[in-house]
N, C-alpha and C. Protein backbone atom coordinates (compact mmCIF):
# COMPACT_ATOMS: atom_id res chain seq x y z
N MET A 1 -32.88 -29.37 28.01
CA MET A 1 -32.69 -30.00 26.90
C MET A 1 -32.22 -28.91 25.74
N LEU A 2 -32.69 -27.80 25.78
CA LEU A 2 -32.29 -26.62 24.97
C LEU A 2 -30.79 -26.36 25.02
N ARG A 3 -30.41 -26.37 26.38
CA ARG A 3 -28.90 -26.18 26.66
C ARG A 3 -27.97 -27.27 26.06
N LEU A 4 -28.43 -28.44 26.08
CA LEU A 4 -27.71 -29.63 25.48
C LEU A 4 -27.62 -29.46 24.01
N TYR A 5 -28.70 -29.03 23.43
CA TYR A 5 -28.82 -28.80 21.97
C TYR A 5 -27.79 -27.82 21.67
N SER A 6 -27.78 -26.68 22.36
CA SER A 6 -26.85 -25.70 22.01
C SER A 6 -25.35 -26.07 22.13
N ILE A 7 -25.05 -26.78 23.17
CA ILE A 7 -23.73 -27.29 23.36
C ILE A 7 -23.20 -28.19 22.24
N VAL A 8 -24.21 -29.14 21.80
CA VAL A 8 -23.80 -30.07 20.74
C VAL A 8 -23.75 -29.33 19.40
N SER A 9 -24.50 -28.35 19.20
CA SER A 9 -24.45 -27.52 18.00
C SER A 9 -23.15 -26.76 17.85
N LEU A 10 -22.74 -26.20 19.04
CA LEU A 10 -21.54 -25.51 19.14
C LEU A 10 -20.25 -26.35 18.90
N LEU A 11 -20.28 -27.49 19.45
CA LEU A 11 -19.27 -28.52 19.26
C LEU A 11 -19.07 -29.03 17.71
N ILE A 12 -20.29 -29.12 17.08
CA ILE A 12 -20.34 -29.45 15.72
C ILE A 12 -19.71 -28.33 14.80
N LEU A 13 -20.14 -27.21 15.16
CA LEU A 13 -19.54 -25.96 14.41
C LEU A 13 -18.13 -25.87 14.55
N ILE A 14 -17.56 -26.17 15.72
CA ILE A 14 -16.04 -26.03 15.94
C ILE A 14 -15.37 -27.02 15.14
N VAL A 15 -16.02 -28.27 15.09
CA VAL A 15 -15.29 -29.43 14.34
C VAL A 15 -15.35 -29.11 12.85
N LEU A 16 -16.48 -28.51 12.32
CA LEU A 16 -16.52 -28.20 10.90
C LEU A 16 -15.54 -27.17 10.64
N LEU A 17 -15.46 -26.11 11.32
CA LEU A 17 -14.65 -24.92 11.12
C LEU A 17 -13.15 -25.37 11.17
N SER A 18 -12.71 -26.19 12.09
CA SER A 18 -11.43 -26.64 12.26
C SER A 18 -10.92 -27.43 10.99
N GLY A 19 -12.02 -28.13 10.30
CA GLY A 19 -11.63 -28.89 9.14
C GLY A 19 -11.39 -27.91 7.95
N CYS A 20 -11.88 -26.68 7.99
CA CYS A 20 -11.76 -25.73 6.89
C CYS A 20 -10.31 -25.14 6.86
N HIS A 21 -9.58 -25.27 8.00
CA HIS A 21 -8.26 -24.55 7.99
C HIS A 21 -7.42 -24.86 6.83
N LYS A 22 -7.42 -26.05 6.39
CA LYS A 22 -6.50 -26.53 5.31
C LYS A 22 -7.03 -25.82 4.00
N LEU A 23 -8.33 -25.53 3.88
CA LEU A 23 -8.93 -24.98 2.60
C LEU A 23 -8.35 -23.56 2.26
N PHE A 24 -7.95 -22.83 3.48
CA PHE A 24 -7.56 -21.43 3.28
C PHE A 24 -6.03 -21.31 3.28
N GLN A 25 -5.26 -22.51 3.38
CA GLN A 25 -3.84 -22.50 3.44
C GLN A 25 -3.36 -22.44 1.94
N LYS A 26 -2.49 -21.57 1.67
CA LYS A 26 -1.94 -21.20 0.37
C LYS A 26 -0.73 -22.27 0.07
N GLU A 27 -0.66 -22.73 -0.99
CA GLU A 27 0.56 -23.56 -1.34
C GLU A 27 1.27 -22.92 -2.53
N TYR A 28 2.56 -23.10 -2.55
CA TYR A 28 3.54 -22.44 -3.42
C TYR A 28 4.39 -23.46 -4.23
N SER A 29 4.66 -23.15 -5.47
CA SER A 29 5.68 -23.80 -6.21
C SER A 29 6.86 -22.90 -6.36
N TYR A 30 8.07 -23.44 -6.36
CA TYR A 30 9.24 -22.59 -6.54
C TYR A 30 10.05 -22.96 -7.79
N VAL A 31 10.45 -22.17 -8.68
CA VAL A 31 11.19 -22.26 -9.72
C VAL A 31 12.57 -21.67 -9.48
N PRO A 32 13.63 -22.39 -9.36
CA PRO A 32 14.98 -21.84 -8.91
C PRO A 32 15.57 -21.08 -10.14
N PRO A 33 16.53 -20.01 -9.65
CA PRO A 33 17.24 -19.29 -10.84
C PRO A 33 18.29 -20.13 -11.33
N HIS A 34 18.86 -19.66 -12.39
CA HIS A 34 19.91 -20.48 -13.14
C HIS A 34 21.38 -20.24 -12.64
N SER A 35 21.62 -19.05 -12.32
CA SER A 35 23.03 -18.79 -11.94
C SER A 35 23.43 -19.20 -10.55
N ALA A 36 24.79 -19.56 -10.41
CA ALA A 36 25.29 -19.96 -9.17
C ALA A 36 25.21 -18.90 -8.05
N ALA A 37 25.35 -17.59 -8.49
CA ALA A 37 25.13 -16.53 -7.49
C ALA A 37 23.71 -16.43 -6.85
N ASP A 38 22.84 -16.57 -7.84
CA ASP A 38 21.43 -16.56 -7.45
C ASP A 38 20.97 -17.82 -6.53
N LYS A 39 21.53 -18.86 -6.91
CA LYS A 39 21.43 -20.06 -6.04
C LYS A 39 21.90 -19.94 -4.67
N LYS A 40 23.11 -19.26 -4.55
CA LYS A 40 23.63 -18.94 -3.24
C LYS A 40 22.73 -17.96 -2.39
N CYS A 41 22.20 -17.08 -3.25
CA CYS A 41 21.21 -16.05 -2.47
C CYS A 41 20.04 -16.85 -1.99
N ILE A 42 19.49 -17.80 -2.78
CA ILE A 42 18.43 -18.64 -2.42
C ILE A 42 18.75 -19.47 -1.15
N ALA A 43 19.94 -19.93 -1.09
CA ALA A 43 20.30 -20.64 0.26
C ALA A 43 20.23 -19.72 1.39
N LYS A 44 20.58 -18.46 1.21
CA LYS A 44 20.39 -17.46 2.48
C LYS A 44 18.98 -17.38 2.69
N CYS A 45 18.06 -17.27 1.77
CA CYS A 45 16.63 -17.16 2.05
C CYS A 45 16.22 -18.43 2.81
N MET A 46 16.61 -19.59 2.46
CA MET A 46 16.31 -20.98 3.18
C MET A 46 16.71 -20.82 4.59
N TYR A 47 18.05 -20.34 4.76
CA TYR A 47 18.60 -20.24 6.13
C TYR A 47 17.64 -19.30 6.96
N GLY A 48 17.40 -18.19 6.36
CA GLY A 48 16.47 -17.23 7.11
C GLY A 48 15.14 -17.82 7.41
N ARG A 49 14.55 -18.64 6.49
CA ARG A 49 13.26 -19.21 6.83
C ARG A 49 13.39 -20.20 7.95
N LYS A 50 14.43 -21.05 8.01
CA LYS A 50 14.62 -22.02 9.10
C LYS A 50 14.89 -21.31 10.38
N TYR A 51 15.58 -20.14 10.37
CA TYR A 51 15.72 -19.41 11.51
C TYR A 51 14.44 -18.74 12.11
N CYS A 52 13.63 -18.34 11.17
CA CYS A 52 12.31 -17.75 11.58
C CYS A 52 11.42 -18.93 12.13
N GLN A 53 11.42 -20.05 11.46
CA GLN A 53 10.75 -21.27 12.10
C GLN A 53 11.16 -21.56 13.48
N ARG A 54 12.36 -21.58 13.71
CA ARG A 54 12.94 -22.03 15.04
C ARG A 54 12.58 -20.88 16.16
N ILE A 55 12.54 -19.64 15.74
CA ILE A 55 12.09 -18.61 16.65
C ILE A 55 10.64 -18.83 16.99
N CYS A 56 9.87 -19.07 16.00
CA CYS A 56 8.43 -19.52 16.22
C CYS A 56 8.21 -20.57 17.08
N GLU A 57 8.99 -21.59 16.90
CA GLU A 57 8.89 -22.82 17.76
C GLU A 57 9.20 -22.53 19.26
N LEU A 58 10.31 -21.66 19.39
CA LEU A 58 10.70 -21.31 20.72
C LEU A 58 9.65 -20.47 21.35
N LYS A 59 8.86 -19.69 20.64
CA LYS A 59 7.83 -18.84 21.17
C LYS A 59 6.50 -19.53 21.29
N ASN A 60 6.56 -20.84 20.95
CA ASN A 60 5.28 -21.53 20.84
C ASN A 60 4.19 -20.71 20.11
N SER A 61 4.49 -20.10 19.06
CA SER A 61 3.57 -19.20 18.40
C SER A 61 2.91 -19.90 17.11
N ARG A 62 1.69 -20.07 17.07
CA ARG A 62 1.01 -20.74 15.85
C ARG A 62 0.76 -19.62 14.78
N SER A 63 0.92 -18.32 15.11
CA SER A 63 0.50 -17.26 14.11
C SER A 63 1.74 -16.82 13.37
N CYS A 64 2.90 -17.35 13.52
CA CYS A 64 4.24 -16.91 12.75
C CYS A 64 3.98 -17.12 11.39
N ASP A 65 4.46 -16.32 10.60
CA ASP A 65 4.40 -16.37 9.06
C ASP A 65 5.83 -16.17 8.56
N CYS A 66 6.52 -17.24 8.27
CA CYS A 66 7.86 -17.09 7.61
C CYS A 66 7.83 -17.30 6.11
N THR A 67 6.70 -17.64 5.72
CA THR A 67 6.57 -17.89 4.20
C THR A 67 6.53 -16.59 3.34
N THR A 68 5.90 -15.62 3.90
CA THR A 68 5.85 -14.29 3.14
C THR A 68 7.17 -13.71 2.93
N SER A 69 7.96 -13.69 4.04
CA SER A 69 9.32 -13.10 3.91
C SER A 69 10.18 -14.03 2.99
N PHE A 70 10.05 -15.26 3.10
CA PHE A 70 10.80 -16.23 2.29
C PHE A 70 10.48 -16.10 0.84
N ASN A 71 9.25 -15.92 0.48
CA ASN A 71 8.78 -15.86 -0.85
C ASN A 71 9.29 -14.47 -1.44
N THR A 72 9.30 -13.48 -0.74
CA THR A 72 9.94 -12.11 -1.20
C THR A 72 11.39 -12.21 -1.43
N CYS A 73 12.11 -12.97 -0.47
CA CYS A 73 13.55 -13.10 -0.60
C CYS A 73 13.79 -14.04 -1.92
N TYR A 74 13.02 -15.07 -2.04
CA TYR A 74 13.30 -15.97 -3.16
C TYR A 74 13.14 -15.18 -4.52
N SER A 75 12.19 -14.32 -4.59
CA SER A 75 11.76 -13.58 -5.85
C SER A 75 12.94 -12.62 -6.08
N ALA A 76 13.36 -12.02 -4.99
CA ALA A 76 14.44 -10.95 -5.10
C ALA A 76 15.75 -11.62 -5.50
N CYS A 77 15.97 -12.92 -5.38
CA CYS A 77 17.12 -13.53 -5.76
C CYS A 77 17.10 -14.14 -7.19
N GLY A 78 15.91 -13.86 -7.67
CA GLY A 78 15.88 -14.32 -9.12
C GLY A 78 15.00 -15.56 -9.31
N GLY A 79 14.47 -16.16 -8.31
CA GLY A 79 13.62 -17.36 -8.47
C GLY A 79 12.10 -16.84 -8.71
N GLN A 80 11.40 -17.86 -9.09
CA GLN A 80 9.99 -17.52 -9.32
C GLN A 80 9.09 -18.28 -8.33
N VAL A 81 8.12 -17.47 -7.71
CA VAL A 81 7.14 -18.11 -6.82
C VAL A 81 5.76 -18.10 -7.44
N ILE A 82 5.23 -19.39 -7.43
CA ILE A 82 3.99 -19.61 -8.11
C ILE A 82 3.01 -20.04 -7.04
N GLU A 83 1.95 -19.32 -6.93
CA GLU A 83 0.96 -19.67 -5.90
C GLU A 83 -0.06 -20.57 -6.60
N ARG A 84 -0.29 -21.74 -5.83
CA ARG A 84 -1.30 -22.69 -6.35
C ARG A 84 -2.49 -22.71 -5.72
């Protein structure tokens, strides 16, 4: 009986923790730059992010982070990244 209680408790804990994943996920808003050259730069950032995401899909990796490098690129091109 104690073993069954432990297994049920563990399963409940796993379900509760898996529901918290979205709580720790950051969300961003993006303010684009005004100049055409800067917008072209942003397009390159977007291409780089898509490439990164495809590599992650090919590797079946859930721990890939393409957002950090995209945000850095976006800011360097004159855009503004706002964390919500």
